Amino acid sequence: MEAISKKMKSERVDTGIVLLDDFKFRNREDMVYEALKKNILELSLKPGQVVSEAEVCQMFGVSRTPVRNSLRILAEKSWVDIIPYRGIYIKLLSLKDIKQMLYMRFAVESMVLEDFINTNNRTAMEDIKYMLRKQEALVVTRNFKPEQFYRMDVQIHGLWFEAMNRSKLWDMLQEDSLHYTRFKMLDFLTESDFDRIIRDHKSIVNLIEKKDVPKLRGVLREHLFQCMKRMRKIIDEDYREYFEEEPDEGKFEI
């Protein structure tokens, strides 16, 4: 399995998996499951990558039972494919699912923003502007990690859901988006113009303050759908093996 840069303890196999602090979990099985899930979402375990049950056991210092149970649950959720006599594979990305998730997110988030505009919630607006300043500070930090920017991006969009008491909706969008979350992570890992994303966020804030709903919907749509346009060439040239085979016609159209 492909290794990442993080140093592991010398007595453990380097599998590419980032470990979690086990004291946060009820038992070892929960820890293995959450660690595998996190590593899948953050692309430490890459789409199509083979997962060795024995190596995972050695990595976590556990028996086969918690590892098998964790992988079984992930298979039931379609996060991994268990193919008899061949092995265990991280689920490939599905552009079809990603496009549907983008469509659903735009539909839900545009409604939440329209409601948010009418609240005149100054506290929430200050929180949003504060997070924007943190994003601006991050991108000028030397050797900042795209994962950090992604987490801030999630926080910013989550703020207007929280302000409208729609945090459950936001959580559902995050939890049910195996393909979309990995696609966005890949988008950020290959992004070179983070300033463009910050400009989009500023435009959204500006239009919220102006209460300009039609323009806000247009900017949000472009902001959310831009990743599909930008990633088209990158996917075809560099990451085709990460994705399920799909017909070329309309493949990137939402």
Protein backbone atom coordinates (compact mmCIF):
# COMPACT_ATOMS: atom_id res chain seq x y z
CA MET A 1 0.00 0.00 0.00
CA GLU A 2 1.24 3.47 -0.86
CA ALA A 3 2.90 5.30 2.01
CA ILE A 4 2.29 8.90 2.97
CA SER A 5 4.80 11.23 4.52
CA LYS A 6 3.72 10.87 8.13
CA LYS A 7 6.22 8.89 10.23
CA MET A 8 4.89 5.72 11.82
CA LYS A 9 6.28 3.77 14.71
CA SER A 10 9.10 1.54 13.56
CA GLU A 11 7.51 -1.67 14.74
CA ARG A 12 4.44 -1.14 12.56
CA VAL A 13 3.98 -1.60 8.83
CA ASP A 14 3.76 1.60 6.78
CA THR A 15 0.37 1.17 5.05
CA GLY A 16 -0.47 4.73 4.06
CA ILE A 17 -3.02 4.93 6.91
CA VAL A 18 -2.98 7.86 9.32
CA LEU A 19 -3.65 6.70 12.87
CA LEU A 20 -6.11 8.25 15.31
CA ASP A 21 -5.79 8.59 19.08
CA ASP A 22 -7.42 5.44 20.45
CA PHE A 23 -8.44 7.10 23.73
CA LYS A 24 -11.25 8.89 21.85
CA PHE A 25 -13.11 5.66 21.10
CA ARG A 26 -15.08 3.10 23.08
CA ASN A 27 -13.05 0.19 21.74
CA ARG A 28 -10.44 -0.76 19.17
CA GLU A 29 -13.03 -1.74 16.59
CA ASP A 30 -14.53 1.77 16.63
CA MET A 31 -11.05 3.26 16.29
CA VAL A 32 -10.14 1.06 13.31
CA TYR A 33 -13.45 1.86 11.60
CA GLU A 34 -13.18 5.63 12.10
CA ALA A 35 -9.51 5.66 11.08
CA LEU A 36 -10.23 3.76 7.86
CA LYS A 37 -13.20 6.02 7.14
CA LYS A 38 -11.16 9.18 7.68
CA ASN A 39 -8.32 7.90 5.51
CA ILE A 40 -10.72 7.03 2.71
CA LEU A 41 -12.35 10.48 2.78
CA GLU A 42 -9.01 12.30 2.87
CA LEU A 43 -7.54 10.14 0.07
CA SER A 44 -4.75 8.72 2.21
CA LEU A 45 -6.33 5.48 1.04
CA LYS A 46 -6.84 6.09 -2.65
CA PRO A 47 -9.75 4.99 -4.85
CA GLY A 48 -9.04 1.52 -6.19
CA GLN A 49 -6.21 0.90 -3.72
CA VAL A 50 -5.88 -2.62 -2.32
CA VAL A 51 -6.31 -2.90 1.45
CA SER A 52 -4.39 -5.68 3.15
CA GLU A 53 -6.24 -7.03 6.16
CA ALA A 54 -2.99 -8.36 7.65
CA GLU A 55 -1.21 -5.02 7.25
CA VAL A 56 -4.10 -3.13 8.83
CA CYS A 57 -4.02 -5.55 11.78
CA GLN A 58 -0.31 -4.96 12.24
CA MET A 59 -0.71 -1.22 11.79
CA PHE A 60 -3.21 -0.94 14.64
CA GLY A 61 -1.79 -3.76 16.72
CA VAL A 62 -5.13 -5.58 16.83
CA SER A 63 -6.45 -9.02 15.93
CA ARG A 64 -8.29 -9.76 12.68
CA THR A 65 -11.75 -9.53 14.29
CA PRO A 66 -12.02 -5.71 14.69
CA VAL A 67 -10.44 -5.19 11.28
CA ARG A 68 -12.78 -7.65 9.57
CA ASN A 69 -15.81 -6.14 11.30
CA SER A 70 -14.75 -2.61 10.31
CA LEU A 71 -14.20 -3.63 6.69
CA ARG A 72 -17.52 -5.46 6.64
CA ILE A 73 -19.36 -2.31 7.78
CA LEU A 74 -17.49 -0.22 5.20
CA ALA A 75 -18.46 -2.75 2.52
CA GLU A 76 -22.11 -2.58 3.60
CA LYS A 77 -21.91 1.20 3.19
CA SER A 78 -20.22 0.73 -0.22
CA TRP A 79 -17.00 2.43 0.91
CA VAL A 80 -14.95 -0.65 -0.02
CA ASP A 81 -15.45 -3.58 -2.38
CA ILE A 82 -14.69 -7.04 -1.01
CA ILE A 83 -14.08 -9.36 -3.96
CA PRO A 84 -13.71 -13.06 -3.01
CA TYR A 85 -10.31 -14.56 -3.85
CA ARG A 86 -9.06 -11.20 -5.12
CA GLY A 87 -8.98 -8.79 -2.21
CA ILE A 88 -10.40 -5.63 -0.67
CA TYR A 89 -10.44 -2.44 -2.72
CA ILE A 90 -11.27 1.16 -1.83
CA LYS A 91 -14.39 2.17 -3.73
CA LEU A 92 -13.76 4.03 -6.98
CA LEU A 93 -15.21 7.50 -7.41
CA SER A 94 -18.48 7.83 -9.31
CA LEU A 95 -18.94 10.98 -11.38
CA LYS A 96 -22.64 10.15 -11.63
CA ASP A 97 -23.00 10.26 -7.83
CA ILE A 98 -20.81 13.37 -7.57
CA LYS A 99 -22.96 15.29 -10.07
CA GLN A 100 -26.15 14.35 -8.23
CA MET A 101 -24.59 15.44 -4.95
CA LEU A 102 -23.58 18.78 -6.46
CA TYR A 103 -27.12 19.28 -7.75
CA MET A 104 -28.66 18.42 -4.38
CA ARG A 105 -26.20 20.60 -2.47
CA PHE A 106 -26.94 23.61 -4.67
CA ALA A 107 -30.71 23.11 -4.28
CA VAL A 108 -30.49 22.88 -0.49
CA GLU A 109 -27.79 25.48 0.11
CA SER A 110 -29.41 28.12 -2.10
CA MET A 111 -32.63 27.78 -0.08
CA VAL A 112 -30.75 28.07 3.20
CA LEU A 113 -28.93 31.18 1.97
CA GLU A 114 -32.19 32.79 0.82
CA ASP A 115 -33.61 32.25 4.31
CA PHE A 116 -30.38 33.49 5.89
CA ILE A 117 -30.53 36.75 3.92
CA ASN A 118 -33.80 37.66 5.63
CA THR A 119 -32.52 37.15 9.19
CA ASN A 120 -30.09 40.10 9.37
CA ASN A 121 -27.98 37.92 11.66
CA ARG A 122 -25.00 40.19 12.34
CA THR A 123 -23.31 37.74 14.68
CA ALA A 124 -23.33 35.02 12.04
CA MET A 125 -22.05 37.47 9.42
CA GLU A 126 -19.14 38.41 11.66
CA ASP A 127 -18.34 34.72 12.17
CA ILE A 128 -18.35 34.20 8.40
CA LYS A 129 -16.08 37.20 7.80
CA TYR A 130 -13.74 35.98 10.54
CA MET A 131 -13.44 32.59 8.83
CA LEU A 132 -12.74 34.35 5.52
CA ARG A 133 -9.88 36.25 7.16
CA LYS A 134 -8.53 32.94 8.47
CA GLN A 135 -8.64 31.49 4.95
CA GLU A 136 -6.78 34.50 3.60
CA ALA A 137 -4.15 34.11 6.31
CA LEU A 138 -3.81 30.40 5.61
CA VAL A 139 -3.07 30.72 1.88
CA VAL A 140 -0.11 33.02 2.55
CA THR A 141 1.28 30.61 5.12
CA ARG A 142 4.32 28.75 3.88
CA ASN A 143 3.67 25.09 3.04
CA PHE A 144 0.04 25.17 4.13
CA LYS A 145 -1.88 21.96 3.47
CA PRO A 146 -4.87 21.86 1.10
CA GLU A 147 -6.66 19.71 3.69
CA GLN A 148 -6.58 22.71 6.04
CA PHE A 149 -8.19 24.92 3.41
CA TYR A 150 -10.82 22.26 2.73
CA ARG A 151 -11.77 22.06 6.41
CA MET A 152 -12.12 25.86 6.57
CA ASP A 153 -14.25 25.79 3.43
CA VAL A 154 -16.57 23.27 5.07
CA GLN A 155 -16.77 25.48 8.18
CA ILE A 156 -17.66 28.60 6.18
CA HIS A 157 -20.49 26.94 4.29
CA GLY A 158 -21.70 25.31 7.48
CA LEU A 159 -22.08 28.68 9.23
CA TRP A 160 -25.22 29.75 7.36
CA PHE A 161 -26.73 26.32 7.90
CA GLU A 162 -25.99 26.70 11.62
CA ALA A 163 -27.44 30.22 11.71
CA MET A 164 -30.72 28.89 10.28
CA ASN A 165 -30.82 25.90 12.67
CA ARG A 166 -30.20 23.62 9.70
CA SER A 167 -27.00 22.01 10.98
CA LYS A 168 -28.59 18.57 10.66
CA LEU A 169 -29.06 19.18 6.94
CA TRP A 170 -25.42 20.19 6.60
CA ASP A 171 -24.31 17.11 8.53
CA MET A 172 -26.41 14.91 6.26
CA LEU A 173 -24.85 16.48 3.17
CA GLN A 174 -21.41 15.75 4.59
CA GLU A 175 -22.09 12.25 5.88
CA ASP A 176 -23.79 10.95 2.74
CA SER A 177 -21.16 12.22 0.32
CA LEU A 178 -18.44 9.57 0.07
CA HIS A 179 -17.85 10.33 -3.60
CA TYR A 180 -18.36 14.10 -3.38
CA THR A 181 -16.15 14.58 -0.32
CA ARG A 182 -13.27 12.68 -1.94
CA PHE A 183 -13.83 14.56 -5.19
CA LYS A 184 -13.61 17.89 -3.35
CA MET A 185 -10.48 16.72 -1.53
CA LEU A 186 -8.92 15.81 -4.88
CA ASP A 187 -10.05 19.19 -6.19
CA PHE A 188 -8.27 21.02 -3.38
CA LEU A 189 -5.17 18.83 -3.61
CA THR A 190 -4.79 19.81 -7.28
CA GLU A 191 -5.98 23.42 -6.92
CA SER A 192 -3.47 26.19 -7.65
CA ASP A 193 -5.76 29.25 -7.35
CA PHE A 194 -7.05 29.29 -3.80
CA ASP A 195 -7.50 33.05 -4.11
CA ARG A 196 -10.31 32.39 -6.61
CA ILE A 197 -12.21 30.39 -4.00
CA ILE A 198 -11.75 33.18 -1.45
CA ARG A 199 -13.02 35.71 -4.01
CA ASP A 200 -16.10 33.54 -4.49
CA HIS A 201 -16.71 33.49 -0.75
CA LYS A 202 -16.36 37.27 -0.58
CA SER A 203 -18.80 37.68 -3.46
CA ILE A 204 -21.30 35.47 -1.63
CA VAL A 205 -20.95 37.56 1.53
CA ASN A 206 -21.30 40.77 -0.44
CA LEU A 207 -24.49 39.57 -2.13
CA ILE A 208 -25.91 38.40 1.21
CA GLU A 209 -25.41 41.91 2.57
CA LYS A 210 -27.02 43.41 -0.55
CA LYS A 211 -29.88 40.88 -0.32
CA ASP A 212 -29.48 40.16 -4.02
CA VAL A 213 -30.99 36.68 -4.26
CA PRO A 214 -30.84 36.17 -8.07
CA LYS A 215 -27.14 37.07 -8.30
CA LEU A 216 -26.40 35.10 -5.14
CA ARG A 217 -27.90 31.96 -6.68
CA GLY A 218 -25.79 32.46 -9.80
CA VAL A 219 -22.55 32.96 -7.86
CA LEU A 220 -23.25 29.98 -5.59
CA ARG A 221 -24.01 27.78 -8.58
CA GLU A 222 -20.78 28.75 -10.31
CA HIS A 223 -18.84 28.37 -7.05
CA LEU A 224 -20.12 24.83 -6.45
CA PHE A 225 -20.02 23.64 -10.06
CA GLN A 226 -16.63 25.15 -10.91
CA CYS A 227 -14.83 22.10 -9.56
CA MET A 228 -16.41 19.87 -12.21
CA LYS A 229 -15.28 22.23 -14.99
CA ARG A 230 -11.77 22.63 -13.60
CA MET A 231 -11.22 18.95 -12.87
CA ARG A 232 -12.31 17.68 -16.28
CA LYS A 233 -8.86 17.73 -17.88
CA ILE A 234 -7.07 16.71 -14.69
CA ILE A 235 -9.27 13.63 -14.29
CA ASP A 236 -8.83 12.51 -17.88
CA GLU A 237 -5.07 13.03 -17.88
CA ASP A 238 -3.93 12.15 -14.34
CA TYR A 239 -6.65 10.48 -12.26
CA ARG A 240 -8.70 8.36 -14.63
CA GLU A 241 -7.87 5.23 -12.58
CA TYR A 242 -9.62 6.80 -9.55
CA PHE A 243 -12.99 6.80 -11.30
CA GLU A 244 -15.53 4.27 -12.48
CA GLU A 245 -15.82 3.88 -16.24
CA GLU A 246 -18.60 6.07 -17.62
CA PRO A 247 -19.67 7.10 -21.16
CA ASP A 248 -17.75 10.16 -22.36
CA GLU A 249 -20.87 11.92 -23.60
CA GLY A 250 -22.19 14.23 -20.87
CA LYS A 251 -19.76 12.80 -18.33
CA PHE A 252 -18.96 16.21 -16.82
CA GLU A 253 -22.33 17.90 -17.37
CA ILE A 254 -24.46 18.56 -14.29
